Each structure stands twice: as C-alpha cells, then as structure tokens.
Amino acid sequence: MERLLQEGRTDEAILSLKEYIASCNPPSDKAFYLLGNAYRKKGDWQGAINNYLEAMEINPDGPAGNAYRMANEILDFYNKDMYNQ
C-alpha cells in the first residue's frame, strides 16, 4: 500500500487501505495514517484529517499527530490568505 502511494497510484492505495482497514482487527493506526496521506495527496483535507484522527485515537504517539498538526497549519494558512484577496 505504501508502494502504491509512492508510485502515485493514490486511488488504488485508497481502495486497498479501505479494504485492509475493514478486515483488520484490531484496527491499524498505520493504515489510517497512510489513508490520511492518500487523501491529502488528492487534496481531500477533510478525509485526511478524519483518518489522522482515527490513527491518533489508536496510537496517540504515532506519526499521525504530526501529520494532523501540519494539515491544520496548512489549512489555517490558506484560510487566512483568502481574506487578503
């Protein structure tokens, strides 16, 4: 799944990750983190944030926390910039 993302096959990665998450017990924070990254690459910020939050709920110390904070910083920057147009 990581390879699909690295190769730019984002839609395939999303499908694979969703299938994996549906079959995974217990849930995998890494899968949610990767799914968040895939959505971010597609420009779906809400999908990215939702999946980062899922990953953080499972593993608060995982990489999703940093990704979540960065996504919010990017969105804050873009939203503030829109007021200056």
PDB file of N, CA and C in Angstrom:
ATOM      1  N   MET A   1       0.820  -1.186   0.000  1.00  0.00           N
ATOM      2  CA  MET A   1       0.000   0.000   0.000  1.00  0.00           C
ATOM      3  C   MET A   1       0.866   1.253   0.000  1.00  0.00           C
ATOM      4  N   GLU A   2       1.945   1.234   0.751  1.00  0.00           N
ATOM      5  CA  GLU A   2       2.852   2.381   0.732  1.00  0.00           C
ATOM      6  C   GLU A   2       3.464   2.550  -0.645  1.00  0.00           C
ATOM      7  N   ARG A   3       3.751   1.438  -1.291  1.00  0.00           N
ATOM      8  CA  ARG A   3       4.341   1.485  -2.634  1.00  0.00           C
ATOM      9  C   ARG A   3       3.386   2.151  -3.610  1.00  0.00           C
ATOM     10  N   LEU A   4       2.097   1.846  -3.497  1.00  0.00           N
ATOM     11  CA  LEU A   4       1.112   2.472  -4.376  1.00  0.00           C
ATOM     12  C   LEU A   4       1.134   3.992  -4.216  1.00  0.00           C
ATOM     13  N   LEU A   5       1.234   4.446  -2.983  1.00  0.00           N
ATOM     14  CA  LEU A   5       1.301   5.896  -2.744  1.00  0.00           C
ATOM     15  C   LEU A   5       2.576   6.491  -3.324  1.00  0.00           C
ATOM     16  N   GLN A   6       3.685   5.802  -3.140  1.00  0.00           N
ATOM     17  CA  GLN A   6       4.961   6.290  -3.661  1.00  0.00           C
ATOM     18  C   GLN A   6       4.959   6.351  -5.178  1.00  0.00           C
ATOM     19  N   GLU A   7       4.240   5.443  -5.800  1.00  0.00           N
ATOM     20  CA  GLU A   7       4.164   5.402  -7.261  1.00  0.00           C
ATOM     21  C   GLU A   7       3.101   6.346  -7.816  1.00  0.00           C
ATOM     22  N   GLY A   8       2.400   7.049  -6.935  1.00  0.00           N
ATOM     23  CA  GLY A   8       1.378   7.983  -7.392  1.00  0.00           C
ATOM     24  C   GLY A   8       0.053   7.323  -7.741  1.00  0.00           C
ATOM     25  N   ARG A   9      -0.131   6.093  -7.342  1.00  0.00           N
ATOM     26  CA  ARG A   9      -1.373   5.369  -7.623  1.00  0.00           C
ATOM     27  C   ARG A   9      -2.308   5.529  -6.422  1.00  0.00           C
ATOM     28  N   THR A  10      -2.693   6.767  -6.203  1.00  0.00           N
ATOM     29  CA  THR A  10      -3.413   7.156  -4.996  1.00  0.00           C
ATOM     30  C   THR A  10      -4.779   6.491  -4.885  1.00  0.00           C
ATOM     31  N   ASP A  11      -5.536   6.466  -5.979  1.00  0.00           N
ATOM     32  CA  ASP A  11      -6.870   5.861  -5.919  1.00  0.00           C
ATOM     33  C   ASP A  11      -6.790   4.374  -5.579  1.00  0.00           C
ATOM     34  N   GLU A  12      -5.814   3.679  -6.145  1.00  0.00           N
ATOM     35  CA  GLU A  12      -5.627   2.263  -5.827  1.00  0.00           C
ATOM     36  C   GLU A  12      -5.233   2.086  -4.367  1.00  0.00           C
ATOM     37  N   ALA A  13      -4.388   2.973  -3.878  1.00  0.00           N
ATOM     38  CA  ALA A  13      -3.960   2.910  -2.477  1.00  0.00           C
ATOM     39  C   ALA A  13      -5.152   3.106  -1.551  1.00  0.00           C
ATOM     40  N   ILE A  14      -6.016   4.050  -1.881  1.00  0.00           N
ATOM     41  CA  ILE A  14      -7.197   4.302  -1.044  1.00  0.00           C
ATOM     42  C   ILE A  14      -8.082   3.063  -0.992  1.00  0.00           C
ATOM     43  N   LEU A  15      -8.340   2.461  -2.128  1.00  0.00           N
ATOM     44  CA  LEU A  15      -9.168   1.244  -2.146  1.00  0.00           C
ATOM     45  C   LEU A  15      -8.524   0.127  -1.332  1.00  0.00           C
ATOM     46  N   SER A  16      -7.237  -0.079  -1.519  1.00  0.00           N
ATOM     47  CA  SER A  16      -6.538  -1.140  -0.783  1.00  0.00           C
ATOM     48  C   SER A  16      -6.556  -0.878   0.716  1.00  0.00           C
ATOM     49  N   LEU A  17      -6.315   0.361   1.097  1.00  0.00           N
ATOM     50  CA  LEU A  17      -6.299   0.694   2.516  1.00  0.00           C
ATOM     51  C   LEU A  17      -7.674   0.543   3.149  1.00  0.00           C
ATOM     52  N   LYS A  18      -8.712   0.959   2.439  1.00  0.00           N
ATOM     53  CA  LYS A  18     -10.069   0.794   2.967  1.00  0.00           C
ATOM     54  C   LYS A  18     -10.409  -0.677   3.165  1.00  0.00           C
ATOM     55  N   GLU A  19     -10.032  -1.512   2.201  1.00  0.00           N
ATOM     56  CA  GLU A  19     -10.268  -2.955   2.328  1.00  0.00           C
ATOM     57  C   GLU A  19      -9.492  -3.518   3.514  1.00  0.00           C
ATOM     58  N   TYR A  20      -8.245  -3.107   3.647  1.00  0.00           N
ATOM     59  CA  TYR A  20      -7.418  -3.590   4.744  1.00  0.00           C
ATOM     60  C   TYR A  20      -8.009  -3.168   6.092  1.00  0.00           C
ATOM     61  N   ILE A  21      -8.405  -1.910   6.203  1.00  0.00           N
ATOM     62  CA  ILE A  21      -8.972  -1.406   7.455  1.00  0.00           C
ATOM     63  C   ILE A  21     -10.244  -2.167   7.812  1.00  0.00           C
ATOM     64  N   ALA A  22     -11.077  -2.453   6.818  1.00  0.00           N
ATOM     65  CA  ALA A  22     -12.328  -3.172   7.067  1.00  0.00           C
ATOM     66  C   ALA A  22     -12.077  -4.578   7.591  1.00  0.00           C
ATOM     67  N   SER A  23     -10.954  -5.183   7.193  1.00  0.00           N
ATOM     68  CA  SER A  23     -10.676  -6.561   7.593  1.00  0.00           C
ATOM     69  C   SER A  23      -9.739  -6.667   8.789  1.00  0.00           C
ATOM     70  N   CYS A  24      -9.214  -5.550   9.241  1.00  0.00           N
ATOM     71  CA  CYS A  24      -8.181  -5.534  10.280  1.00  0.00           C
ATOM     72  C   CYS A  24      -8.808  -5.488  11.669  1.00  0.00           C
ATOM     73  N   ASN A  25      -8.400  -6.425  12.531  1.00  0.00           N
ATOM     74  CA  ASN A  25      -8.862  -6.425  13.905  1.00  0.00           C
ATOM     75  C   ASN A  25      -7.715  -6.850  14.799  1.00  0.00           C
ATOM     76  N   PRO A  26      -7.176  -6.000  15.621  1.00  0.00           N
ATOM     77  CA  PRO A  26      -7.607  -4.643  15.932  1.00  0.00           C
ATOM     78  C   PRO A  26      -7.241  -3.664  14.820  1.00  0.00           C
ATOM     79  N   PRO A  27      -7.860  -2.493  14.841  1.00  0.00           N
ATOM     80  CA  PRO A  27      -7.579  -1.503  13.797  1.00  0.00           C
ATOM     81  C   PRO A  27      -6.111  -1.079  13.803  1.00  0.00           C
ATOM     82  N   SER A  28      -5.627  -0.714  12.643  1.00  0.00           N
ATOM     83  CA  SER A  28      -4.228  -0.345  12.471  1.00  0.00           C
ATOM     84  C   SER A  28      -4.084   1.169  12.352  1.00  0.00           C
ATOM     85  N   ASP A  29      -3.336   1.764  13.287  1.00  0.00           N
ATOM     86  CA  ASP A  29      -3.120   3.205  13.204  1.00  0.00           C
ATOM     87  C   ASP A  29      -2.316   3.553  11.959  1.00  0.00           C
ATOM     88  N   LYS A  30      -1.397   2.684  11.562  1.00  0.00           N
ATOM     89  CA  LYS A  30      -0.588   2.957  10.369  1.00  0.00           C
ATOM     90  C   LYS A  30      -1.459   2.996   9.116  1.00  0.00           C
ATOM     91  N   ALA A  31      -2.441   2.110   9.029  1.00  0.00           N
ATOM     92  CA  ALA A  31      -3.329   2.092   7.869  1.00  0.00           C
ATOM     93  C   ALA A  31      -4.136   3.385   7.795  1.00  0.00           C
ATOM     94  N   PHE A  32      -4.656   3.844   8.934  1.00  0.00           N
ATOM     95  CA  PHE A  32      -5.404   5.101   8.944  1.00  0.00           C
ATOM     96  C   PHE A  32      -4.489   6.277   8.596  1.00  0.00           C
ATOM     97  N   TYR A  33      -3.265   6.241   9.099  1.00  0.00           N
ATOM     98  CA  TYR A  33      -2.289   7.293   8.791  1.00  0.00           C
ATOM     99  C   TYR A  33      -2.004   7.326   7.287  1.00  0.00           C
ATOM    100  N   LEU A  34      -1.766   6.163   6.696  1.00  0.00           N
ATOM    101  CA  LEU A  34      -1.498   6.101   5.256  1.00  0.00           C
ATOM    102  C   LEU A  34      -2.717   6.540   4.445  1.00  0.00           C
ATOM    103  N   LEU A  35      -3.901   6.163   4.913  1.00  0.00           N
ATOM    104  CA  LEU A  35      -5.119   6.588   4.222  1.00  0.00           C
ATOM    105  C   LEU A  35      -5.264   8.112   4.304  1.00  0.00           C
ATOM    106  N   GLY A  36      -4.922   8.680   5.446  1.00  0.00           N
ATOM    107  CA  GLY A  36      -4.919  10.130   5.571  1.00  0.00           C
ATOM    108  C   GLY A  36      -3.956  10.774   4.585  1.00  0.00           C
ATOM    109  N   ASN A  37      -2.771  10.183   4.444  1.00  0.00           N
ATOM    110  CA  ASN A  37      -1.791  10.701   3.487  1.00  0.00           C
ATOM    111  C   ASN A  37      -2.315  10.614   2.055  1.00  0.00           C
ATOM    112  N   ALA A  38      -3.000   9.531   1.742  1.00  0.00           N
ATOM    113  CA  ALA A  38      -3.550   9.371   0.395  1.00  0.00           C
ATOM    114  C   ALA A  38      -4.594  10.447   0.109  1.00  0.00           C
ATOM    115  N   TYR A  39      -5.475  10.677   1.067  1.00  0.00           N
ATOM    116  CA  TYR A  39      -6.483  11.724   0.886  1.00  0.00           C
ATOM    117  C   TYR A  39      -5.838  13.104   0.772  1.00  0.00           C
ATOM    118  N   ARG A  40      -4.791  13.332   1.555  1.00  0.00           N
ATOM    119  CA  ARG A  40      -4.081  14.612   1.474  1.00  0.00           C
ATOM    120  C   ARG A  40      -3.496  14.810   0.082  1.00  0.00           C
ATOM    121  N   LYS A  41      -2.932  13.755  -0.483  1.00  0.00           N
ATOM    122  CA  LYS A  41      -2.359  13.851  -1.830  1.00  0.00           C
ATOM    123  C   LYS A  41      -3.418  14.186  -2.868  1.00  0.00           C
ATOM    124  N   LYS A  42      -4.645  13.762  -2.632  1.00  0.00           N
ATOM    125  CA  LYS A  42      -5.736  14.058  -3.551  1.00  0.00           C
ATOM    126  C   LYS A  42      -6.345  15.443  -3.294  1.00  0.00           C
ATOM    127  N   GLY A  43      -5.896  16.095  -2.224  1.00  0.00           N
ATOM    128  CA  GLY A  43      -6.447  17.400  -1.889  1.00  0.00           C
ATOM    129  C   GLY A  43      -7.709  17.329  -1.058  1.00  0.00           C
ATOM    130  N   ASP A  44      -8.034  16.145  -0.555  1.00  0.00           N
ATOM    131  CA  ASP A  44      -9.210  15.955   0.291  1.00  0.00           C
ATOM    132  C   ASP A  44      -8.768  16.127   1.744  1.00  0.00           C
ATOM    133  N   TRP A  45      -8.730  17.371   2.197  1.00  0.00           N
ATOM    134  CA  TRP A  45      -8.215  17.676   3.522  1.00  0.00           C
ATOM    135  C   TRP A  45      -9.094  17.111   4.614  1.00  0.00           C
ATOM    136  N   GLN A  46     -10.404  17.118   4.415  1.00  0.00           N
ATOM    137  CA  GLN A  46     -11.297  16.578   5.447  1.00  0.00           C
ATOM    138  C   GLN A  46     -11.083  15.078   5.593  1.00  0.00           C
ATOM    139  N   GLY A  47     -10.946  14.365   4.481  1.00  0.00           N
ATOM    140  CA  GLY A  47     -10.664  12.935   4.542  1.00  0.00           C
ATOM    141  C   GLY A  47      -9.338  12.655   5.229  1.00  0.00           C
ATOM    142  N   ALA A  48      -8.343  13.485   4.946  1.00  0.00           N
ATOM    143  CA  ALA A  48      -7.027  13.322   5.568  1.00  0.00           C
ATOM    144  C   ALA A  48      -7.129  13.514   7.073  1.00  0.00           C
ATOM    145  N   ILE A  49      -7.759  14.603   7.488  1.00  0.00           N
ATOM    146  CA  ILE A  49      -7.861  14.906   8.913  1.00  0.00           C
ATOM    147  C   ILE A  49      -8.659  13.830   9.647  1.00  0.00           C
ATOM    148  N   ASN A  50      -9.753  13.387   9.055  1.00  0.00           N
ATOM    149  CA  ASN A  50     -10.559  12.341   9.703  1.00  0.00           C
ATOM    150  C   ASN A  50      -9.741  11.075   9.946  1.00  0.00           C
ATOM    151  N   ASN A  51      -8.936  10.689   8.969  1.00  0.00           N
ATOM    152  CA  ASN A  51      -8.143   9.472   9.123  1.00  0.00           C
ATOM    153  C   ASN A  51      -6.969   9.665  10.071  1.00  0.00           C
ATOM    154  N   TYR A  52      -6.382  10.853  10.085  1.00  0.00           N
ATOM    155  CA  TYR A  52      -5.335  11.131  11.064  1.00  0.00           C
ATOM    156  C   TYR A  52      -5.909  11.045  12.485  1.00  0.00           C
ATOM    157  N   LEU A  53      -7.123  11.562  12.671  1.00  0.00           N
ATOM    158  CA  LEU A  53      -7.759  11.492  13.986  1.00  0.00           C
ATOM    159  C   LEU A  53      -8.015  10.041  14.403  1.00  0.00           C
ATOM    160  N   GLU A  54      -8.446   9.217  13.460  1.00  0.00           N
ATOM    161  CA  GLU A  54      -8.655   7.790  13.753  1.00  0.00           C
ATOM    162  C   GLU A  54      -7.342   7.147  14.192  1.00  0.00           C
ATOM    163  N   ALA A  55      -6.265   7.449  13.463  1.00  0.00           N
ATOM    164  CA  ALA A  55      -4.956   6.891  13.795  1.00  0.00           C
ATOM    165  C   ALA A  55      -4.503   7.369  15.174  1.00  0.00           C
ATOM    166  N   MET A  56      -4.733   8.635  15.483  1.00  0.00           N
ATOM    167  CA  MET A  56      -4.323   9.192  16.771  1.00  0.00           C
ATOM    168  C   MET A  56      -5.108   8.576  17.925  1.00  0.00           C
ATOM    169  N   GLU A  57      -6.350   8.217  17.664  1.00  0.00           N
ATOM    170  CA  GLU A  57      -7.155   7.584  18.707  1.00  0.00           C
ATOM    171  C   GLU A  57      -6.577   6.213  19.067  1.00  0.00           C
ATOM    172  N   ILE A  58      -6.075   5.508  18.067  1.00  0.00           N
ATOM    173  CA  ILE A  58      -5.489   4.183  18.285  1.00  0.00           C
ATOM    174  C   ILE A  58      -4.100   4.297  18.907  1.00  0.00           C
ATOM    175  N   ASN A  59      -3.302   5.226  18.377  1.00  0.00           N
ATOM    176  CA  ASN A  59      -1.923   5.390  18.836  1.00  0.00           C
ATOM    177  C   ASN A  59      -1.590   6.880  18.916  1.00  0.00           C
ATOM    178  N   PRO A  60      -1.798   7.485  20.080  1.00  0.00           N
ATOM    179  CA  PRO A  60      -1.553   8.923  20.223  1.00  0.00           C
ATOM    180  C   PRO A  60      -0.098   9.335  19.965  1.00  0.00           C
ATOM    181  N   ASP A  61       0.828   8.408  20.071  1.00  0.00           N
ATOM    182  CA  ASP A  61       2.242   8.725  19.884  1.00  0.00           C
ATOM    183  C   ASP A  61       2.749   8.448  18.472  1.00  0.00           C
ATOM    184  N   GLY A  62       1.872   8.027  17.570  1.00  0.00           N
ATOM    185  CA  GLY A  62       2.269   7.695  16.201  1.00  0.00           C
ATOM    186  C   GLY A  62       2.463   8.939  15.338  1.00  0.00           C
ATOM    187  N   PRO A  63       2.842   8.735  14.088  1.00  0.00           N
ATOM    188  CA  PRO A  63       3.128   9.849  13.184  1.00  0.00           C
ATOM    189  C   PRO A  63       1.901  10.654  12.757  1.00  0.00           C
ATOM    190  N   ALA A  64       0.717  10.142  12.989  1.00  0.00           N
ATOM    191  CA  ALA A  64      -0.492  10.854  12.574  1.00  0.00           C
ATOM    192  C   ALA A  64      -0.650  12.181  13.307  1.00  0.00           C
ATOM    193  N   GLY A  65      -0.153  12.257  14.528  1.00  0.00           N
ATOM    194  CA  GLY A  65      -0.260  13.508  15.288  1.00  0.00           C
ATOM    195  C   GLY A  65       0.447  14.644  14.588  1.00  0.00           C
ATOM    196  N   ASN A  66       1.654  14.390  14.108  1.00  0.00           N
ATOM    197  CA  ASN A  66       2.394  15.424  13.375  1.00  0.00           C
ATOM    198  C   ASN A  66       1.705  15.764  12.069  1.00  0.00           C
ATOM    199  N   ALA A  67       1.219  14.747  11.365  1.00  0.00           N
ATOM    200  CA  ALA A  67       0.532  14.978  10.095  1.00  0.00           C
ATOM    201  C   ALA A  67      -0.736  15.803  10.314  1.00  0.00           C
ATOM    202  N   TYR A  68      -1.452  15.507  11.381  1.00  0.00           N
ATOM    203  CA  TYR A  68      -2.668  16.247  11.719  1.00  0.00           C
ATOM    204  C   TYR A  68      -2.349  17.720  11.978  1.00  0.00           C
ATOM    205  N   ARG A  69      -1.325  17.968  12.786  1.00  0.00           N
ATOM    206  CA  ARG A  69      -0.940  19.348  13.089  1.00  0.00           C
ATOM    207  C   ARG A  69      -0.495  20.091  11.832  1.00  0.00           C
ATOM    208  N   MET A  70       0.270  19.430  10.978  1.00  0.00           N
ATOM    209  CA  MET A  70       0.720  20.079   9.744  1.00  0.00           C
ATOM    210  C   MET A  70      -0.452  20.395   8.831  1.00  0.00           C
ATOM    211  N   ALA A  71      -1.401  19.466   8.723  1.00  0.00           N
ATOM    212  CA  ALA A  71      -2.581  19.702   7.882  1.00  0.00           C
ATOM    213  C   ALA A  71      -3.358  20.910   8.388  1.00  0.00           C
ATOM    214  N   ASN A  72      -3.525  21.001   9.702  1.00  0.00           N
ATOM    215  CA  ASN A  72      -4.245  22.148  10.265  1.00  0.00           C
ATOM    216  C   ASN A  72      -3.487  23.446  10.043  1.00  0.00           C
ATOM    217  N   GLU A  73      -2.169  23.418  10.150  1.00  0.00           N
ATOM    218  CA  GLU A  73      -1.383  24.623   9.895  1.00  0.00           C
ATOM    219  C   GLU A  73      -1.521  25.069   8.446  1.00  0.00           C
ATOM    220  N   ILE A  74      -1.513  24.120   7.531  1.00  0.00           N
ATOM    221  CA  ILE A  74      -1.669  24.445   6.107  1.00  0.00           C
ATOM    222  C   ILE A  74      -3.043  25.046   5.861  1.00  0.00           C
ATOM    223  N   LEU A  75      -4.069  24.418   6.415  1.00  0.00           N
ATOM    224  CA  LEU A  75      -5.425  24.928   6.220  1.00  0.00           C
ATOM    225  C   LEU A  75      -5.602  26.302   6.860  1.00  0.00           C
ATOM    226  N   ASP A  76      -5.017  26.508   8.030  1.00  0.00           N
ATOM    227  CA  ASP A  76      -5.089  27.830   8.668  1.00  0.00           C
ATOM    228  C   ASP A  76      -4.431  28.885   7.791  1.00  0.00           C
ATOM    229  N   PHE A  77      -3.293  28.551   7.217  1.00  0.00           N
ATOM    230  CA  PHE A  77      -2.586  29.488   6.349  1.00  0.00           C
ATOM    231  C   PHE A  77      -3.432  29.835   5.128  1.00  0.00           C
ATOM    232  N   TYR A  78      -3.988  28.808   4.460  1.00  0.00           N
ATOM    233  CA  TYR A  78      -4.786  29.058   3.268  1.00  0.00           C
ATOM    234  C   TYR A  78      -6.033  29.859   3.609  1.00  0.00           C
ATOM    235  N   ASN A  79      -6.689  29.547   4.684  1.00  0.00           N
ATOM    236  CA  ASN A  79      -7.912  30.257   5.039  1.00  0.00           C
ATOM    237  C   ASN A  79      -7.636  31.717   5.360  1.00  0.00           C
ATOM    238  N   LYS A  80      -6.560  31.991   6.091  1.00  0.00           N
ATOM    239  CA  LYS A  80      -6.212  33.377   6.407  1.00  0.00           C
ATOM    240  C   LYS A  80      -5.842  34.129   5.129  1.00  0.00           C
ATOM    241  N   ASP A  81      -5.164  33.461   4.233  1.00  0.00           N
ATOM    242  CA  ASP A  81      -4.735  34.089   2.992  1.00  0.00           C
ATOM    243  C   ASP A  81      -5.939  34.489   2.140  1.00  0.00           C
ATOM    244  N   MET A  82      -7.007  33.714   2.210  1.00  0.00           N
ATOM    245  CA  MET A  82      -8.181  34.003   1.397  1.00  0.00           C
ATOM    246  C   MET A  82      -8.805  35.344   1.787  1.00  0.00           C
ATOM    247  N   TYR A  83      -8.664  35.739   3.050  1.00  0.00           N
ATOM    248  CA  TYR A  83      -9.227  37.007   3.484  1.00  0.00           C
ATOM    249  C   TYR A  83      -8.485  38.197   2.874  1.00  0.00           C
ATOM    250  N   ASN A  84      -7.264  37.974   2.418  1.00  0.00           N
ATOM    251  CA  ASN A  84      -6.440  39.074   1.890  1.00  0.00           C
ATOM    252  C   ASN A  84      -6.587  39.240   0.377  1.00  0.00           C
ATOM    253  N   GLN A  85      -7.475  38.551  -0.246  1.00  0.00           N
ATOM    254  CA  GLN A  85      -7.603  38.648  -1.702  1.00  0.00           C
ATOM    255  C   GLN A  85      -8.497  39.788  -2.097  1.00  0.00           C
TER     256      GLN A  85
END
